[in-house]
Amino acid sequence: MYFEVALIAYIVDRFVGEFRFVRHPVVLMGDFIKLFERLFYKDSVFRGALLTLSLVSIVFFISYGIVFLLSGRGHPDLQIILFGIIASTTIASKMLYDSVKDIIKHPQDIKYLVSRDTESLSPSDINKAAIETYAENLSDGIIAPLFYLLLFGLGGAFVYKAINTLDSMIGYKNEKYEKFGKFSAKLDDVVNYIPARITALVIVLLLGYKGRHLGLPLRKIWRFGRLHESPNAGYPISAMALSLGIKLGGDTSYFGKIKSKPYFGEGRESITTDDIKNALSLQPKLDIFIILFLSVGVAV
């Protein structure tokens, strides 16, 4: 059943996207995080852990409650369709693609996609940020939720989104969230460990590599990926850089301070909008790959 639900969820998200007439579950999760922070914030690991466990527990019980209420009611095919539509809200394929593509015509919109300082970014830096965001969020927004949906069903996908949303909102190593966001950031590292590496493999398999042998890019992905401060983000970013023949990463400004970051990949440091287009050329291949994979799962 999970493969059928995942297949419907991916198709619905990819070709329909977000449902504008309802408040998105991730937005509701964000509302809870903001409320908790407003009422109980203190820069302590305990308070941050309490927030994380509270949100994860609420999401767990609601999502599995939905499964319980819908299971056994109505035609089985209708149940699968309903579960698929609900599960589609955990995937962000269409939104990610459209948002990154929009940067080509509206580079100023990069401020809505990244946490780095954007006021003084050069055109090359904007293009680089867009590609890095696309690569990293292929894992967070597509591969990881599908991974947990296939493993644990609807509840698994929503619990993953809760953890990922926490990390995106409070998982920063700055003065405010150094301790408060530590627990959620570590938990996010754990749940993204396997999906990030799967994403890196998928990127290089679908986009190809300038060299002739697969073993070489895999070794380079692992070598560059380990350089990232995150135990996960560096792998899809490195895979994208190596596939496009460019360098991503480098020193970046966050909250008014320059952060020294390594480079990922080999090749040009000057990134153009054509590089964004080349990165986005992965999407139709990824659509075919995921739909075929899930369809085989359904058939088996």
C-alpha atoms as a PDB file:
ATOM      1  CA  MET A   1       0.000   0.000   0.000  1.00  0.00           C
ATOM      2  CA  TYR A   2       2.819   2.419   0.806  1.00  0.00           C
ATOM      3  CA  PHE A   3       4.112   2.343  -2.775  1.00  0.00           C
ATOM      4  CA  GLU A   4       0.665   3.167  -4.146  1.00  0.00           C
ATOM      5  CA  VAL A   5       0.301   6.049  -1.684  1.00  0.00           C
ATOM      6  CA  ALA A   6       3.781   7.347  -2.483  1.00  0.00           C
ATOM      7  CA  LEU A   7       3.143   7.178  -6.243  1.00  0.00           C
ATOM      8  CA  ILE A   8      -0.086   9.151  -5.965  1.00  0.00           C
ATOM      9  CA  ALA A   9       1.537  11.606  -3.555  1.00  0.00           C
ATOM     10  CA  TYR A  10       4.426  12.332  -5.899  1.00  0.00           C
ATOM     11  CA  ILE A  11       2.233  12.745  -8.972  1.00  0.00           C
ATOM     12  CA  VAL A  12      -0.192  15.032  -7.122  1.00  0.00           C
ATOM     13  CA  ASP A  13       2.601  17.218  -5.764  1.00  0.00           C
ATOM     14  CA  ARG A  14       4.580  17.325  -9.001  1.00  0.00           C
ATOM     15  CA  PHE A  15       1.693  18.352 -11.217  1.00  0.00           C
ATOM     16  CA  VAL A  16      -0.684  20.094  -8.784  1.00  0.00           C
ATOM     17  CA  GLY A  17       1.568  21.381  -6.032  1.00  0.00           C
ATOM     18  CA  GLU A  18       0.291  23.010  -2.867  1.00  0.00           C
ATOM     19  CA  PHE A  19      -3.412  23.268  -2.134  1.00  0.00           C
ATOM     20  CA  ARG A  20      -4.016  26.994  -1.752  1.00  0.00           C
ATOM     21  CA  PHE A  21      -7.447  26.584  -0.153  1.00  0.00           C
ATOM     22  CA  VAL A  22      -6.098  24.948   3.038  1.00  0.00           C
ATOM     23  CA  ARG A  23      -3.358  25.906   5.459  1.00  0.00           C
ATOM     24  CA  HIS A  24      -0.331  23.768   4.643  1.00  0.00           C
ATOM     25  CA  PRO A  25       0.682  21.286   7.383  1.00  0.00           C
ATOM     26  CA  VAL A  26       4.250  22.616   7.368  1.00  0.00           C
ATOM     27  CA  VAL A  27       2.880  26.139   7.963  1.00  0.00           C
ATOM     28  CA  LEU A  28       0.870  24.793  10.904  1.00  0.00           C
ATOM     29  CA  MET A  29       4.027  23.181  12.267  1.00  0.00           C
ATOM     30  CA  GLY A  30       5.780  26.517  11.904  1.00  0.00           C
ATOM     31  CA  ASP A  31       2.936  28.227  13.767  1.00  0.00           C
ATOM     32  CA  PHE A  32       3.379  25.812  16.677  1.00  0.00           C
ATOM     33  CA  ILE A  33       7.144  26.403  16.754  1.00  0.00           C
ATOM     34  CA  LYS A  34       6.636  30.183  16.828  1.00  0.00           C
ATOM     35  CA  LEU A  35       4.017  29.903  19.580  1.00  0.00           C
ATOM     36  CA  PHE A  36       6.216  27.666  21.725  1.00  0.00           C
ATOM     37  CA  GLU A  37       9.171  29.972  21.198  1.00  0.00           C
ATOM     38  CA  ARG A  38       7.126  33.033  22.140  1.00  0.00           C
ATOM     39  CA  LEU A  39       5.846  31.409  25.338  1.00  0.00           C
ATOM     40  CA  PHE A  40       8.708  29.238  26.524  1.00  0.00           C
ATOM     41  CA  TYR A  41      11.909  30.329  24.780  1.00  0.00           C
ATOM     42  CA  LYS A  42      15.144  30.039  26.682  1.00  0.00           C
ATOM     43  CA  ASP A  43      18.454  29.271  25.021  1.00  0.00           C
ATOM     44  CA  SER A  44      18.817  25.872  26.632  1.00  0.00           C
ATOM     45  CA  VAL A  45      19.088  22.395  25.186  1.00  0.00           C
ATOM     46  CA  PHE A  46      16.289  21.200  27.465  1.00  0.00           C
ATOM     47  CA  ARG A  47      13.795  23.811  26.199  1.00  0.00           C
ATOM     48  CA  GLY A  48      14.732  23.016  22.600  1.00  0.00           C
ATOM     49  CA  ALA A  49      14.365  19.288  23.204  1.00  0.00           C
ATOM     50  CA  LEU A  50      10.978  19.887  24.825  1.00  0.00           C
ATOM     51  CA  LEU A  51       9.823  21.803  21.746  1.00  0.00           C
ATOM     52  CA  THR A  52      11.077  19.074  19.432  1.00  0.00           C
ATOM     53  CA  LEU A  53       9.481  16.232  21.362  1.00  0.00           C
ATOM     54  CA  SER A  54       6.226  18.170  21.719  1.00  0.00           C
ATOM     55  CA  LEU A  55       5.868  18.865  18.001  1.00  0.00           C
ATOM     56  CA  VAL A  56       6.969  15.395  16.932  1.00  0.00           C
ATOM     57  CA  SER A  57       4.511  13.791  19.367  1.00  0.00           C
ATOM     58  CA  ILE A  58       1.614  15.963  18.211  1.00  0.00           C
ATOM     59  CA  VAL A  59       2.359  15.266  14.543  1.00  0.00           C
ATOM     60  CA  PHE A  60       2.782  11.554  15.235  1.00  0.00           C
ATOM     61  CA  PHE A  61      -0.584  11.190  16.972  1.00  0.00           C
ATOM     62  CA  ILE A  62      -2.480  13.357  14.486  1.00  0.00           C
ATOM     63  CA  SER A  63      -1.048  11.616  11.409  1.00  0.00           C
ATOM     64  CA  TYR A  64      -1.577   8.100  12.740  1.00  0.00           C
ATOM     65  CA  GLY A  65      -4.983   9.195  14.014  1.00  0.00           C
ATOM     66  CA  ILE A  66      -5.907  10.162  10.453  1.00  0.00           C
ATOM     67  CA  VAL A  67      -4.749   6.750   9.245  1.00  0.00           C
ATOM     68  CA  PHE A  68      -6.849   5.027  11.916  1.00  0.00           C
ATOM     69  CA  LEU A  69      -9.951   7.080  11.118  1.00  0.00           C
ATOM     70  CA  LEU A  70      -9.741   6.531   7.359  1.00  0.00           C
ATOM     71  CA  SER A  71      -8.676   2.880   7.374  1.00  0.00           C
ATOM     72  CA  GLY A  72     -11.453   0.394   6.745  1.00  0.00           C
ATOM     73  CA  ARG A  73     -13.897   3.073   5.639  1.00  0.00           C
ATOM     74  CA  GLY A  74     -15.000   3.205   2.028  1.00  0.00           C
ATOM     75  CA  HIS A  75     -13.487   1.497  -0.990  1.00  0.00           C
ATOM     76  CA  PRO A  76      -9.797   0.510  -0.560  1.00  0.00           C
ATOM     77  CA  ASP A  77      -8.812   2.361  -3.738  1.00  0.00           C
ATOM     78  CA  LEU A  78     -10.475   5.523  -2.447  1.00  0.00           C
ATOM     79  CA  GLN A  79      -8.528   5.204   0.812  1.00  0.00           C
ATOM     80  CA  ILE A  80      -5.261   4.961  -1.096  1.00  0.00           C
ATOM     81  CA  ILE A  81      -6.138   8.045  -3.145  1.00  0.00           C
ATOM     82  CA  LEU A  82      -7.024  10.011   0.001  1.00  0.00           C
ATOM     83  CA  PHE A  83      -3.806   8.924   1.731  1.00  0.00           C
ATOM     84  CA  GLY A  84      -1.856   9.879  -1.392  1.00  0.00           C
ATOM     85  CA  ILE A  85      -3.407  13.351  -1.537  1.00  0.00           C
ATOM     86  CA  ILE A  86      -2.664  13.907   2.161  1.00  0.00           C
ATOM     87  CA  ALA A  87       0.887  12.555   1.790  1.00  0.00           C
ATOM     88  CA  SER A  88       1.536  14.906  -1.137  1.00  0.00           C
ATOM     89  CA  THR A  89       1.720  17.775   1.362  1.00  0.00           C
ATOM     90  CA  THR A  90       4.970  16.296   2.718  1.00  0.00           C
ATOM     91  CA  ILE A  91       6.661  16.583  -0.694  1.00  0.00           C
ATOM     92  CA  ALA A  92       7.858  19.853  -2.216  1.00  0.00           C
ATOM     93  CA  SER A  93       8.915  18.888  -5.724  1.00  0.00           C
ATOM     94  CA  LYS A  94       6.862  21.414  -7.704  1.00  0.00           C
ATOM     95  CA  MET A  95       7.452  24.273  -5.267  1.00  0.00           C
ATOM     96  CA  LEU A  96      11.210  23.637  -5.210  1.00  0.00           C
ATOM     97  CA  TYR A  97      11.505  23.487  -8.996  1.00  0.00           C
ATOM     98  CA  ASP A  98       9.341  26.561  -9.581  1.00  0.00           C
ATOM     99  CA  SER A  99      11.099  28.595  -6.867  1.00  0.00           C
ATOM    100  CA  VAL A 100      14.592  27.885  -8.179  1.00  0.00           C
ATOM    101  CA  LYS A 101      13.548  28.439 -11.790  1.00  0.00           C
ATOM    102  CA  ASP A 102      12.080  31.812 -10.772  1.00  0.00           C
ATOM    103  CA  ILE A 103      15.551  32.982  -9.688  1.00  0.00           C
ATOM    104  CA  ILE A 104      16.621  33.099 -13.344  1.00  0.00           C
ATOM    105  CA  LYS A 105      14.182  35.949 -14.038  1.00  0.00           C
ATOM    106  CA  HIS A 106      13.892  37.350 -10.517  1.00  0.00           C
ATOM    107  CA  PRO A 107      17.283  36.995  -8.805  1.00  0.00           C
ATOM    108  CA  GLN A 108      16.185  39.223  -5.928  1.00  0.00           C
ATOM    109  CA  ASP A 109      13.836  36.435  -4.813  1.00  0.00           C
ATOM    110  CA  ILE A 110      16.833  34.417  -3.630  1.00  0.00           C
ATOM    111  CA  LYS A 111      16.216  35.986  -0.205  1.00  0.00           C
ATOM    112  CA  TYR A 112      13.126  33.797   0.149  1.00  0.00           C
ATOM    113  CA  LEU A 113      15.065  30.576  -0.473  1.00  0.00           C
ATOM    114  CA  VAL A 114      18.223  30.836   1.630  1.00  0.00           C
ATOM    115  CA  SER A 115      19.234  31.748   5.162  1.00  0.00           C
ATOM    116  CA  ARG A 116      22.478  33.470   4.115  1.00  0.00           C
ATOM    117  CA  ASP A 117      22.726  37.241   3.795  1.00  0.00           C
ATOM    118  CA  THR A 118      21.595  38.207   0.288  1.00  0.00           C
ATOM    119  CA  GLU A 119      21.896  42.008   0.137  1.00  0.00           C
ATOM    120  CA  SER A 120      25.379  42.098  -1.387  1.00  0.00           C
ATOM    121  CA  LEU A 121      25.410  38.868  -3.382  1.00  0.00           C
ATOM    122  CA  SER A 122      26.868  39.053  -6.880  1.00  0.00           C
ATOM    123  CA  PRO A 123      24.957  37.491  -9.800  1.00  0.00           C
ATOM    124  CA  SER A 124      27.306  34.500  -9.625  1.00  0.00           C
ATOM    125  CA  ASP A 125      26.702  34.139  -5.884  1.00  0.00           C
ATOM    126  CA  ILE A 126      22.931  34.281  -6.416  1.00  0.00           C
ATOM    127  CA  ASN A 127      23.103  31.573  -9.062  1.00  0.00           C
ATOM    128  CA  LYS A 128      25.329  29.470  -6.824  1.00  0.00           C
ATOM    129  CA  ALA A 129      22.931  29.840  -3.889  1.00  0.00           C
ATOM    130  CA  ALA A 130      20.008  28.760  -6.085  1.00  0.00           C
ATOM    131  CA  ILE A 131      21.811  25.608  -7.237  1.00  0.00           C
ATOM    132  CA  GLU A 132      22.937  24.732  -3.712  1.00  0.00           C
ATOM    133  CA  THR A 133      19.372  25.170  -2.469  1.00  0.00           C
ATOM    134  CA  TYR A 134      18.018  22.983  -5.248  1.00  0.00           C
ATOM    135  CA  ALA A 135      20.554  20.219  -4.598  1.00  0.00           C
ATOM    136  CA  GLU A 136      20.130  20.187  -0.827  1.00  0.00           C
ATOM    137  CA  ASN A 137      16.343  20.352  -0.960  1.00  0.00           C
ATOM    138  CA  LEU A 138      16.108  17.502  -3.433  1.00  0.00           C
ATOM    139  CA  SER A 139      16.861  15.461  -0.337  1.00  0.00           C
ATOM    140  CA  ASP A 140      14.835  17.412   2.237  1.00  0.00           C
ATOM    141  CA  GLY A 141      11.843  18.063  -0.004  1.00  0.00           C
ATOM    142  CA  ILE A 142      11.602  14.934  -2.156  1.00  0.00           C
ATOM    143  CA  ILE A 143      13.809  11.933  -1.435  1.00  0.00           C
ATOM    144  CA  ALA A 144      13.634  12.010   2.384  1.00  0.00           C
ATOM    145  CA  PRO A 145       9.825  12.309   2.731  1.00  0.00           C
ATOM    146  CA  LEU A 146       9.358   9.564   0.130  1.00  0.00           C
ATOM    147  CA  PHE A 147      11.921   7.436   1.966  1.00  0.00           C
ATOM    148  CA  TYR A 148      10.074   7.712   5.272  1.00  0.00           C
ATOM    149  CA  LEU A 149       6.681   7.386   3.608  1.00  0.00           C
ATOM    150  CA  LEU A 150       7.759   4.050   2.124  1.00  0.00           C
ATOM    151  CA  LEU A 151       9.245   2.886   5.424  1.00  0.00           C
ATOM    152  CA  PHE A 152       6.592   3.995   7.910  1.00  0.00           C
ATOM    153  CA  GLY A 153       3.617   5.244   5.956  1.00  0.00           C
ATOM    154  CA  LEU A 154       1.863   8.585   6.363  1.00  0.00           C
ATOM    155  CA  GLY A 155       3.045   9.089   9.942  1.00  0.00           C
ATOM    156  CA  GLY A 156       6.666   8.572   8.975  1.00  0.00           C
ATOM    157  CA  ALA A 157       6.525  11.243   6.291  1.00  0.00           C
ATOM    158  CA  PHE A 158       4.857  13.797   8.566  1.00  0.00           C
ATOM    159  CA  VAL A 159       7.185  13.150  11.499  1.00  0.00           C
ATOM    160  CA  TYR A 160      10.106  13.684   9.117  1.00  0.00           C
ATOM    161  CA  LYS A 161       8.612  17.004   7.966  1.00  0.00           C
ATOM    162  CA  ALA A 162       8.190  18.082  11.589  1.00  0.00           C
ATOM    163  CA  ILE A 163      11.868  17.418  12.318  1.00  0.00           C
ATOM    164  CA  ASN A 164      12.972  19.111   9.113  1.00  0.00           C
ATOM    165  CA  THR A 165      10.774  22.150   9.775  1.00  0.00           C
ATOM    166  CA  LEU A 166      12.244  22.494  13.263  1.00  0.00           C
ATOM    167  CA  ASP A 167      15.748  22.443  11.832  1.00  0.00           C
ATOM    168  CA  SER A 168      14.900  25.027   9.182  1.00  0.00           C
ATOM    169  CA  MET A 169      13.497  27.423  11.784  1.00  0.00           C
ATOM    170  CA  ILE A 170      15.696  27.012  14.853  1.00  0.00           C
ATOM    171  CA  GLY A 171      18.601  24.797  13.821  1.00  0.00           C
ATOM    172  CA  TYR A 172      21.115  27.637  13.546  1.00  0.00           C
ATOM    173  CA  LYS A 173      24.429  28.018  15.336  1.00  0.00           C
ATOM    174  CA  ASN A 174      23.948  31.656  16.272  1.00  0.00           C
ATOM    175  CA  GLU A 175      23.539  33.553  19.493  1.00  0.00           C
ATOM    176  CA  LYS A 176      19.805  32.890  19.764  1.00  0.00           C
ATOM    177  CA  TYR A 177      19.616  29.235  18.782  1.00  0.00           C
ATOM    178  CA  GLU A 178      23.022  27.791  19.719  1.00  0.00           C
ATOM    179  CA  LYS A 179      21.481  25.652  22.472  1.00  0.00           C
ATOM    180  CA  PHE A 180      17.747  25.979  21.794  1.00  0.00           C
ATOM    181  CA  GLY A 181      18.080  24.490  18.307  1.00  0.00           C
ATOM    182  CA  LYS A 182      20.782  21.940  19.055  1.00  0.00           C
ATOM    183  CA  PHE A 183      18.537  18.938  19.754  1.00  0.00           C
ATOM    184  CA  SER A 184      16.403  19.406  16.650  1.00  0.00           C
ATOM    185  CA  ALA A 185      19.493  20.005  14.495  1.00  0.00           C
ATOM    186  CA  LYS A 186      21.103  16.768  15.668  1.00  0.00           C
ATOM    187  CA  LEU A 187      17.876  14.853  15.144  1.00  0.00           C
ATOM    188  CA  ASP A 188      17.624  16.307  11.634  1.00  0.00           C
ATOM    189  CA  ASP A 189      21.183  15.116  10.956  1.00  0.00           C
ATOM    190  CA  VAL A 190      20.180  11.587  11.949  1.00  0.00           C
ATOM    191  CA  VAL A 191      17.005  11.338   9.852  1.00  0.00           C
ATOM    192  CA  ASN A 192      18.680  12.849   6.778  1.00  0.00           C
ATOM    193  CA  TYR A 193      21.788  10.655   6.883  1.00  0.00           C
ATOM    194  CA  ILE A 194      20.586   7.986   4.444  1.00  0.00           C
ATOM    195  CA  PRO A 195      18.317  10.161   2.222  1.00  0.00           C
ATOM    196  CA  ALA A 196      21.108  12.703   1.593  1.00  0.00           C
ATOM    197  CA  ARG A 197      23.430  10.005   0.303  1.00  0.00           C
ATOM    198  CA  ILE A 198      20.688   8.429  -1.805  1.00  0.00           C
ATOM    199  CA  THR A 199      20.056  11.883  -3.293  1.00  0.00           C
ATOM    200  CA  ALA A 200      23.732  12.304  -4.165  1.00  0.00           C
ATOM    201  CA  LEU A 201      23.741   8.959  -5.985  1.00  0.00           C
ATOM    202  CA  VAL A 202      20.542   9.807  -7.860  1.00  0.00           C
ATOM    203  CA  ILE A 203      21.912  13.193  -8.971  1.00  0.00           C
ATOM    204  CA  VAL A 204      25.110  11.796 -10.437  1.00  0.00           C
ATOM    205  CA  LEU A 205      23.313   8.844 -12.026  1.00  0.00           C
ATOM    206  CA  LEU A 206      20.691  11.018 -13.734  1.00  0.00           C
ATOM    207  CA  LEU A 207      22.780  14.064 -14.616  1.00  0.00           C
ATOM    208  CA  GLY A 208      25.940  12.167 -15.438  1.00  0.00           C
ATOM    209  CA  TYR A 209      29.540  13.114 -14.805  1.00  0.00           C
ATOM    210  CA  LYS A 210      32.280  14.638 -16.924  1.00  0.00           C
ATOM    211  CA  GLY A 211      34.519  11.613 -16.387  1.00  0.00           C
ATOM    212  CA  ARG A 212      34.018   8.124 -17.737  1.00  0.00           C
ATOM    213  CA  HIS A 213      33.863   5.961 -14.635  1.00  0.00           C
ATOM    214  CA  LEU A 214      31.192   6.036 -11.950  1.00  0.00           C
ATOM    215  CA  GLY A 215      33.623   5.017  -9.220  1.00  0.00           C
ATOM    216  CA  LEU A 216      35.593   8.237  -9.594  1.00  0.00           C
ATOM    217  CA  PRO A 217      32.692  10.685  -9.009  1.00  0.00           C
ATOM    218  CA  LEU A 218      31.446   8.602  -6.093  1.00  0.00           C
ATOM    219  CA  ARG A 219      34.839   8.858  -4.401  1.00  0.00           C
ATOM    220  CA  LYS A 220      34.899  12.592  -5.082  1.00  0.00           C
ATOM    221  CA  ILE A 221      31.357  13.078  -3.793  1.00  0.00           C
ATOM    222  CA  TRP A 222      32.359  11.381  -0.559  1.00  0.00           C
ATOM    223  CA  ARG A 223      35.605  13.377  -0.347  1.00  0.00           C
ATOM    224  CA  PHE A 224      33.947  16.763  -0.918  1.00  0.00           C
ATOM    225  CA  GLY A 225      30.778  15.892   0.996  1.00  0.00           C
ATOM    226  CA  ARG A 226      32.698  15.247   4.219  1.00  0.00           C
ATOM    227  CA  LEU A 227      34.051  18.808   4.127  1.00  0.00           C
ATOM    228  CA  HIS A 228      30.644  20.372   4.809  1.00  0.00           C
ATOM    229  CA  GLU A 229      29.796  21.415   8.346  1.00  0.00           C
ATOM    230  CA  SER A 230      26.576  19.437   8.005  1.00  0.00           C
ATOM    231  CA  PRO A 231      27.069  15.656   7.931  1.00  0.00           C
ATOM    232  CA  ASN A 232      24.522  15.467   5.109  1.00  0.00           C
ATOM    233  CA  ALA A 233      24.160  18.633   3.005  1.00  0.00           C
ATOM    234  CA  GLY A 234      27.580  18.356   1.400  1.00  0.00           C
ATOM    235  CA  TYR A 235      26.791  15.153  -0.473  1.00  0.00           C
ATOM    236  CA  PRO A 236      23.965  16.278  -2.795  1.00  0.00           C
ATOM    237  CA  ILE A 237      25.696  19.665  -3.223  1.00  0.00           C
ATOM    238  CA  SER A 238      28.958  17.951  -4.192  1.00  0.00           C
ATOM    239  CA  ALA A 239      27.138  15.587  -6.549  1.00  0.00           C
ATOM    240  CA  MET A 240      25.449  18.529  -8.275  1.00  0.00           C
ATOM    241  CA  ALA A 241      28.712  20.468  -8.564  1.00  0.00           C
ATOM    242  CA  LEU A 242      30.586  17.502 -10.025  1.00  0.00           C
ATOM    243  CA  SER A 243      27.756  16.765 -12.460  1.00  0.00           C
ATOM    244  CA  LEU A 244      27.689  20.369 -13.709  1.00  0.00           C
ATOM    245  CA  GLY A 245      31.464  20.870 -13.741  1.00  0.00           C
ATOM    246  CA  ILE A 246      31.373  23.841 -11.348  1.00  0.00           C
ATOM    247  CA  LYS A 247      32.462  24.774  -7.835  1.00  0.00           C
ATOM    248  CA  LEU A 248      29.828  25.397  -5.201  1.00  0.00           C
ATOM    249  CA  GLY A 249      30.349  26.475  -1.604  1.00  0.00           C
ATOM    250  CA  GLY A 250      33.004  28.967  -0.516  1.00  0.00           C
ATOM    251  CA  ASP A 251      32.899  31.694   2.128  1.00  0.00           C
ATOM    252  CA  THR A 252      29.357  32.875   2.859  1.00  0.00           C
ATOM    253  CA  SER A 253      27.839  35.624   4.993  1.00  0.00           C
ATOM    254  CA  TYR A 254      25.307  34.656   7.679  1.00  0.00           C
ATOM    255  CA  PHE A 255      23.748  37.167  10.046  1.00  0.00           C
ATOM    256  CA  GLY A 256      26.358  39.766   9.154  1.00  0.00           C
ATOM    257  CA  LYS A 257      29.371  37.495   9.695  1.00  0.00           C
ATOM    258  CA  ILE A 258      31.502  35.802   7.047  1.00  0.00           C
ATOM    259  CA  LYS A 259      31.603  32.063   7.534  1.00  0.00           C
ATOM    260  CA  SER A 260      34.509  30.158   6.048  1.00  0.00           C
ATOM    261  CA  LYS A 261      33.183  27.251   3.979  1.00  0.00           C
ATOM    262  CA  PRO A 262      35.022  24.806   1.718  1.00  0.00           C
ATOM    263  CA  TYR A 263      34.423  24.439  -1.986  1.00  0.00           C
ATOM    264  CA  PHE A 264      32.500  21.478  -3.344  1.00  0.00           C
ATOM    265  CA  GLY A 265      33.289  20.158  -6.793  1.00  0.00           C
ATOM    266  CA  GLU A 266      35.771  21.077  -9.486  1.00  0.00           C
ATOM    267  CA  GLY A 267      35.609  23.554 -12.345  1.00  0.00           C
ATOM    268  CA  ARG A 268      34.359  27.112 -12.759  1.00  0.00           C
ATOM    269  CA  GLU A 269      33.763  29.340  -9.752  1.00  0.00           C
ATOM    270  CA  SER A 270      31.739  31.805 -11.837  1.00  0.00           C
ATOM    271  CA  ILE A 271      28.179  30.462 -11.914  1.00  0.00           C
ATOM    272  CA  THR A 272      25.686  31.545 -14.592  1.00  0.00           C
ATOM    273  CA  THR A 273      21.949  31.190 -15.089  1.00  0.00           C
ATOM    274  CA  ASP A 274      22.739  28.477 -17.639  1.00  0.00           C
ATOM    275  CA  ASP A 275      24.113  26.456 -14.752  1.00  0.00           C
ATOM    276  CA  ILE A 276      20.766  26.827 -12.977  1.00  0.00           C
ATOM    277  CA  LYS A 277      19.030  25.586 -16.125  1.00  0.00           C
ATOM    278  CA  ASN A 278      21.429  22.636 -16.327  1.00  0.00           C
ATOM    279  CA  ALA A 279      20.730  21.788 -12.685  1.00  0.00           C
ATOM    280  CA  LEU A 280      16.975  21.984 -13.273  1.00  0.00           C
ATOM    281  CA  SER A 281      17.321  19.668 -16.274  1.00  0.00           C
ATOM    282  CA  LEU A 282      17.530  16.948 -13.649  1.00  0.00           C
ATOM    283  CA  GLN A 283      13.830  17.350 -12.805  1.00  0.00           C
ATOM    284  CA  PRO A 284      12.169  15.560 -15.751  1.00  0.00           C
ATOM    285  CA  LYS A 285      14.670  12.714 -15.404  1.00  0.00           C
ATOM    286  CA  LEU A 286      13.976  12.562 -11.692  1.00  0.00           C
ATOM    287  CA  ASP A 287      10.218  12.487 -12.350  1.00  0.00           C
ATOM    288  CA  ILE A 288      10.596   9.500 -14.655  1.00  0.00           C
ATOM    289  CA  PHE A 289      12.984   7.760 -12.262  1.00  0.00           C
ATOM    290  CA  ILE A 290      10.749   8.152  -9.195  1.00  0.00           C
ATOM    291  CA  ILE A 291       7.505   7.298 -11.007  1.00  0.00           C
ATOM    292  CA  LEU A 292       9.077   4.187 -12.565  1.00  0.00           C
ATOM    293  CA  PHE A 293      10.613   3.119  -9.251  1.00  0.00           C
ATOM    294  CA  LEU A 294       7.342   3.519  -7.388  1.00  0.00           C
ATOM    295  CA  SER A 295       5.386   1.855 -10.198  1.00  0.00           C
ATOM    296  CA  VAL A 296       7.668  -1.180  -9.998  1.00  0.00           C
ATOM    297  CA  GLY A 297       7.071  -1.232  -6.244  1.00  0.00           C
ATOM    298  CA  VAL A 298       3.328  -1.201  -6.842  1.00  0.00           C
ATOM    299  CA  ALA A 299       3.572  -4.027  -9.371  1.00  0.00           C
ATOM    300  CA  VAL A 300       5.731  -6.161  -7.128  1.00  0.00           C
END
